[in-house]
Amino acid sequence: MASIKISDLRPSGLDLFVDSESFLNDLNDSDLAATNGGATPAGVALLGAAWLGYSIGKELARFF
C-alpha cells in the first residue's frame, strides 16, 4: 500500500495572520468592544409571532 507524507501542512487563510499587513494589527480595544451579536427582544418577539401565526394557520388548514 502506498503511503503519502505531508510535511508542510498549513491551514487555508494562514497568510491573513502571519504577514506584515495583518488586519489584526489594525484592531484596537474600541473596535473589539463594538463587536456585538445575539438576539434582541424585538427579534425574539418577531420570531415568536411568526411561529404562532404558522401554527394557527396549520391548525386552521386541517378544517378546510
Protein backbone atom coordinates (compact mmCIF):
# COMPACT_ATOMS: atom_id res chain seq x y z
CA MET A 1 0.00 0.00 0.00
CA ALA A 2 1.30 3.47 -0.87
CA SER A 3 1.93 5.97 1.87
CA ILE A 4 1.84 9.72 1.49
CA LYS A 5 3.80 12.06 3.74
CA ILE A 6 2.71 15.64 4.12
CA SER A 7 5.48 17.75 5.61
CA ASP A 8 4.24 21.31 5.12
CA LEU A 9 0.59 21.36 6.16
CA ARG A 10 -0.79 24.85 6.73
CA PRO A 11 -4.43 25.82 7.22
CA SER A 12 -6.01 27.83 4.44
CA GLY A 13 -6.10 31.53 5.22
CA LEU A 14 -3.00 31.37 7.40
CA ASP A 15 -1.42 34.16 5.35
CA LEU A 16 -4.02 36.59 6.75
CA PHE A 17 -2.50 36.21 10.19
CA VAL A 18 1.25 35.94 9.60
CA ASP A 19 2.13 38.63 7.06
CA SER A 20 3.25 42.15 7.98
CA GLU A 21 -0.05 43.67 6.81
CA SER A 22 -2.26 41.58 9.05
CA PHE A 23 -5.69 43.04 9.72
CA LEU A 24 -5.29 42.07 13.38
CA ASN A 25 -2.77 44.89 13.80
CA ASP A 26 -5.44 47.43 12.87
CA LEU A 27 -7.90 46.34 15.57
CA ASN A 28 -7.98 48.33 18.78
CA ASP A 29 -9.93 47.96 22.02
CA SER A 30 -12.85 50.12 20.87
CA ASP A 31 -13.26 48.02 17.71
CA LEU A 32 -13.29 44.83 19.73
CA ALA A 33 -15.77 46.26 22.24
CA ALA A 34 -18.13 47.26 19.42
CA THR A 35 -18.43 43.67 18.25
CA ASN A 36 -21.95 42.59 19.20
CA GLY A 37 -24.27 39.78 18.42
CA GLY A 38 -27.12 37.72 19.72
CA ALA A 39 -30.86 38.04 19.84
CA THR A 40 -32.71 41.24 20.63
CA PRO A 41 -36.09 41.23 22.40
CA ALA A 42 -37.74 42.59 19.26
CA GLY A 43 -36.21 39.82 17.14
CA VAL A 44 -37.36 37.15 19.57
CA ALA A 45 -40.88 38.63 19.62
CA LEU A 46 -40.98 38.72 15.82
CA LEU A 47 -39.84 35.12 15.57
CA GLY A 48 -42.41 34.06 18.18
CA ALA A 49 -45.20 35.88 16.34
CA ALA A 50 -44.22 34.23 13.05
CA TRP A 51 -44.14 30.80 14.70
CA LEU A 52 -47.54 31.39 16.34
CA GLY A 53 -49.05 32.54 13.03
CA TYR A 54 -47.68 29.48 11.28
CA SER A 55 -49.06 27.18 13.98
CA ILE A 56 -52.51 28.77 13.86
CA GLY A 57 -52.57 28.60 10.07
CA LYS A 58 -51.53 24.97 10.15
CA GLU A 59 -54.34 24.11 12.59
CA LEU A 60 -56.92 26.03 10.54
CA ALA A 61 -55.82 24.24 7.36
CA ARG A 62 -56.91 20.94 8.90
CA PHE A 63 -60.55 22.10 8.81
CA PHE A 64 -60.62 23.20 5.16
